[in-house]
């Protein structure tokens, strides 16, 4: 297989949870900035089940009790989507 030097590299990254993209943020940054690649990111969940680990972020988000299941499931999908989009803009 021959690839033209001016071909645009496109990469599809599939992650299970919001914030999983941080595991290889440096790699994604290098692809987009050093190799001028196009990266498409697919996140399978909205993070609505992450309330068990949300205690550290409660004060950051207006003291919402995100670690309480009903509150976390209501607010975490929106919060995690915003974080994921913000991360994508940085990368």
C-alpha atoms as a PDB file:
ATOM      1  CA  UNK A   1       0.000   0.000   0.000  1.00  0.00           C
ATOM      2  CA  UNK A   2       1.333   3.412  -0.953  1.00  0.00           C
ATOM      3  CA  UNK A   3       0.296   6.586   0.843  1.00  0.00           C
ATOM      4  CA  UNK A   4       0.843   9.930  -0.796  1.00  0.00           C
ATOM      5  CA  UNK A   5       2.909  12.337   1.285  1.00  0.00           C
ATOM      6  CA  UNK A   6       0.153  14.919   1.100  1.00  0.00           C
ATOM      7  CA  UNK A   7      -2.564  12.490   2.253  1.00  0.00           C
ATOM      8  CA  UNK A   8      -4.489  13.534   5.345  1.00  0.00           C
ATOM      9  CA  UNK A   9      -4.306  11.038   8.172  1.00  0.00           C
ATOM     10  CA  UNK A  10      -7.701  10.425   9.813  1.00  0.00           C
ATOM     11  CA  UNK A  11      -7.961   8.562  13.107  1.00  0.00           C
ATOM     12  CA  UNK A  12     -11.114   7.302  14.832  1.00  0.00           C
ATOM     13  CA  UNK A  13     -10.787   7.048  18.617  1.00  0.00           C
ATOM     14  CA  UNK A  14     -13.535   5.155  20.466  1.00  0.00           C
ATOM     15  CA  UNK A  15     -13.667   5.557  24.244  1.00  0.00           C
ATOM     16  CA  UNK A  16     -16.082   4.186  26.817  1.00  0.00           C
ATOM     17  CA  UNK A  17     -16.289   7.113  29.228  1.00  0.00           C
ATOM     18  CA  UNK A  18     -15.827  10.876  29.197  1.00  0.00           C
ATOM     19  CA  UNK A  19     -12.267  11.628  30.370  1.00  0.00           C
ATOM     20  CA  UNK A  20     -10.826   8.430  28.844  1.00  0.00           C
ATOM     21  CA  UNK A  21      -9.344  10.597  26.078  1.00  0.00           C
ATOM     22  CA  UNK A  22      -6.926  11.957  28.688  1.00  0.00           C
ATOM     23  CA  UNK A  23      -5.184   8.575  28.758  1.00  0.00           C
ATOM     24  CA  UNK A  24      -3.602   9.365  25.406  1.00  0.00           C
ATOM     25  CA  UNK A  25      -3.925  13.147  25.223  1.00  0.00           C
ATOM     26  CA  UNK A  26      -0.276  13.579  24.258  1.00  0.00           C
ATOM     27  CA  UNK A  27      -0.653  11.119  21.404  1.00  0.00           C
ATOM     28  CA  UNK A  28      -3.798  12.853  20.114  1.00  0.00           C
ATOM     29  CA  UNK A  29      -2.100  16.241  20.398  1.00  0.00           C
ATOM     30  CA  UNK A  30       0.888  14.981  18.407  1.00  0.00           C
ATOM     31  CA  UNK A  31      -1.373  13.531  15.715  1.00  0.00           C
ATOM     32  CA  UNK A  32      -3.279  16.756  15.239  1.00  0.00           C
ATOM     33  CA  UNK A  33      -0.443  19.243  15.654  1.00  0.00           C
ATOM     34  CA  UNK A  34       2.665  17.453  14.396  1.00  0.00           C
ATOM     35  CA  UNK A  35       1.142  15.266  11.678  1.00  0.00           C
ATOM     36  CA  UNK A  36      -1.791  17.543  10.819  1.00  0.00           C
ATOM     37  CA  UNK A  37      -4.127  14.577  11.274  1.00  0.00           C
ATOM     38  CA  UNK A  38      -7.865  14.680  11.682  1.00  0.00           C
ATOM     39  CA  UNK A  39      -9.083  12.926  14.845  1.00  0.00           C
ATOM     40  CA  UNK A  40     -12.684  11.858  15.352  1.00  0.00           C
ATOM     41  CA  UNK A  41     -13.672  10.936  18.887  1.00  0.00           C
ATOM     42  CA  UNK A  42     -16.622   8.694  19.762  1.00  0.00           C
ATOM     43  CA  UNK A  43     -17.629   8.429  23.407  1.00  0.00           C
ATOM     44  CA  UNK A  44     -20.007   5.551  24.150  1.00  0.00           C
ATOM     45  CA  UNK A  45     -21.480   6.895  27.433  1.00  0.00           C
ATOM     46  CA  UNK A  46     -22.253  10.274  28.985  1.00  0.00           C
ATOM     47  CA  UNK A  47     -20.665   9.446  32.319  1.00  0.00           C
ATOM     48  CA  UNK A  48     -24.027   9.210  34.054  1.00  0.00           C
ATOM     49  CA  UNK A  49     -22.817   6.261  36.131  1.00  0.00           C
ATOM     50  CA  UNK A  50     -19.762   8.085  37.470  1.00  0.00           C
ATOM     51  CA  UNK A  51     -21.455   9.465  40.556  1.00  0.00           C
ATOM     52  CA  UNK A  52     -19.463   7.103  42.813  1.00  0.00           C
ATOM     53  CA  UNK A  53     -16.278   8.967  41.909  1.00  0.00           C
ATOM     54  CA  UNK A  54     -17.655  12.501  41.585  1.00  0.00           C
ATOM     55  CA  UNK A  55     -16.997  13.691  45.138  1.00  0.00           C
ATOM     56  CA  UNK A  56     -13.829  15.580  44.221  1.00  0.00           C
ATOM     57  CA  UNK A  57     -15.646  17.707  41.656  1.00  0.00           C
ATOM     58  CA  UNK A  58     -18.667  18.626  43.809  1.00  0.00           C
ATOM     59  CA  UNK A  59     -17.318  21.992  44.990  1.00  0.00           C
ATOM     60  CA  UNK A  60     -16.133  22.858  41.479  1.00  0.00           C
ATOM     61  CA  UNK A  61     -19.689  22.528  40.161  1.00  0.00           C
ATOM     62  CA  UNK A  62     -21.518  24.710  42.661  1.00  0.00           C
ATOM     63  CA  UNK A  63     -21.556  22.239  45.543  1.00  0.00           C
ATOM     64  CA  UNK A  64     -23.901  19.863  43.712  1.00  0.00           C
ATOM     65  CA  UNK A  65     -23.933  16.554  45.575  1.00  0.00           C
ATOM     66  CA  UNK A  66     -22.834  14.676  42.452  1.00  0.00           C
ATOM     67  CA  UNK A  67     -21.855  11.637  44.500  1.00  0.00           C
ATOM     68  CA  UNK A  68     -25.531  11.103  45.376  1.00  0.00           C
ATOM     69  CA  UNK A  69     -26.919   8.798  42.699  1.00  0.00           C
ATOM     70  CA  UNK A  70     -30.096  10.696  41.730  1.00  0.00           C
ATOM     71  CA  UNK A  71     -28.323  14.055  41.579  1.00  0.00           C
ATOM     72  CA  UNK A  72     -25.282  12.629  39.793  1.00  0.00           C
ATOM     73  CA  UNK A  73     -27.338  10.837  37.153  1.00  0.00           C
ATOM     74  CA  UNK A  74     -29.281  14.036  36.495  1.00  0.00           C
ATOM     75  CA  UNK A  75     -26.335  16.436  36.182  1.00  0.00           C
ATOM     76  CA  UNK A  76     -23.264  14.363  35.251  1.00  0.00           C
ATOM     77  CA  UNK A  77     -24.181  13.711  31.589  1.00  0.00           C
ATOM     78  CA  UNK A  78     -24.288  17.459  30.842  1.00  0.00           C
ATOM     79  CA  UNK A  79     -21.167  18.148  32.902  1.00  0.00           C
ATOM     80  CA  UNK A  80     -19.165  15.310  31.337  1.00  0.00           C
ATOM     81  CA  UNK A  81     -20.234  16.349  27.817  1.00  0.00           C
ATOM     82  CA  UNK A  82     -19.020  19.893  28.490  1.00  0.00           C
ATOM     83  CA  UNK A  83     -15.724  18.550  29.837  1.00  0.00           C
ATOM     84  CA  UNK A  84     -15.294  16.244  26.844  1.00  0.00           C
ATOM     85  CA  UNK A  85     -15.947  19.033  24.326  1.00  0.00           C
ATOM     86  CA  UNK A  86     -13.539  21.285  26.228  1.00  0.00           C
ATOM     87  CA  UNK A  87     -10.890  18.585  26.125  1.00  0.00           C
ATOM     88  CA  UNK A  88     -11.420  18.164  22.386  1.00  0.00           C
ATOM     89  CA  UNK A  89     -10.898  21.876  21.801  1.00  0.00           C
ATOM     90  CA  UNK A  90      -7.615  21.741  23.715  1.00  0.00           C
ATOM     91  CA  UNK A  91      -6.293  18.716  21.826  1.00  0.00           C
END
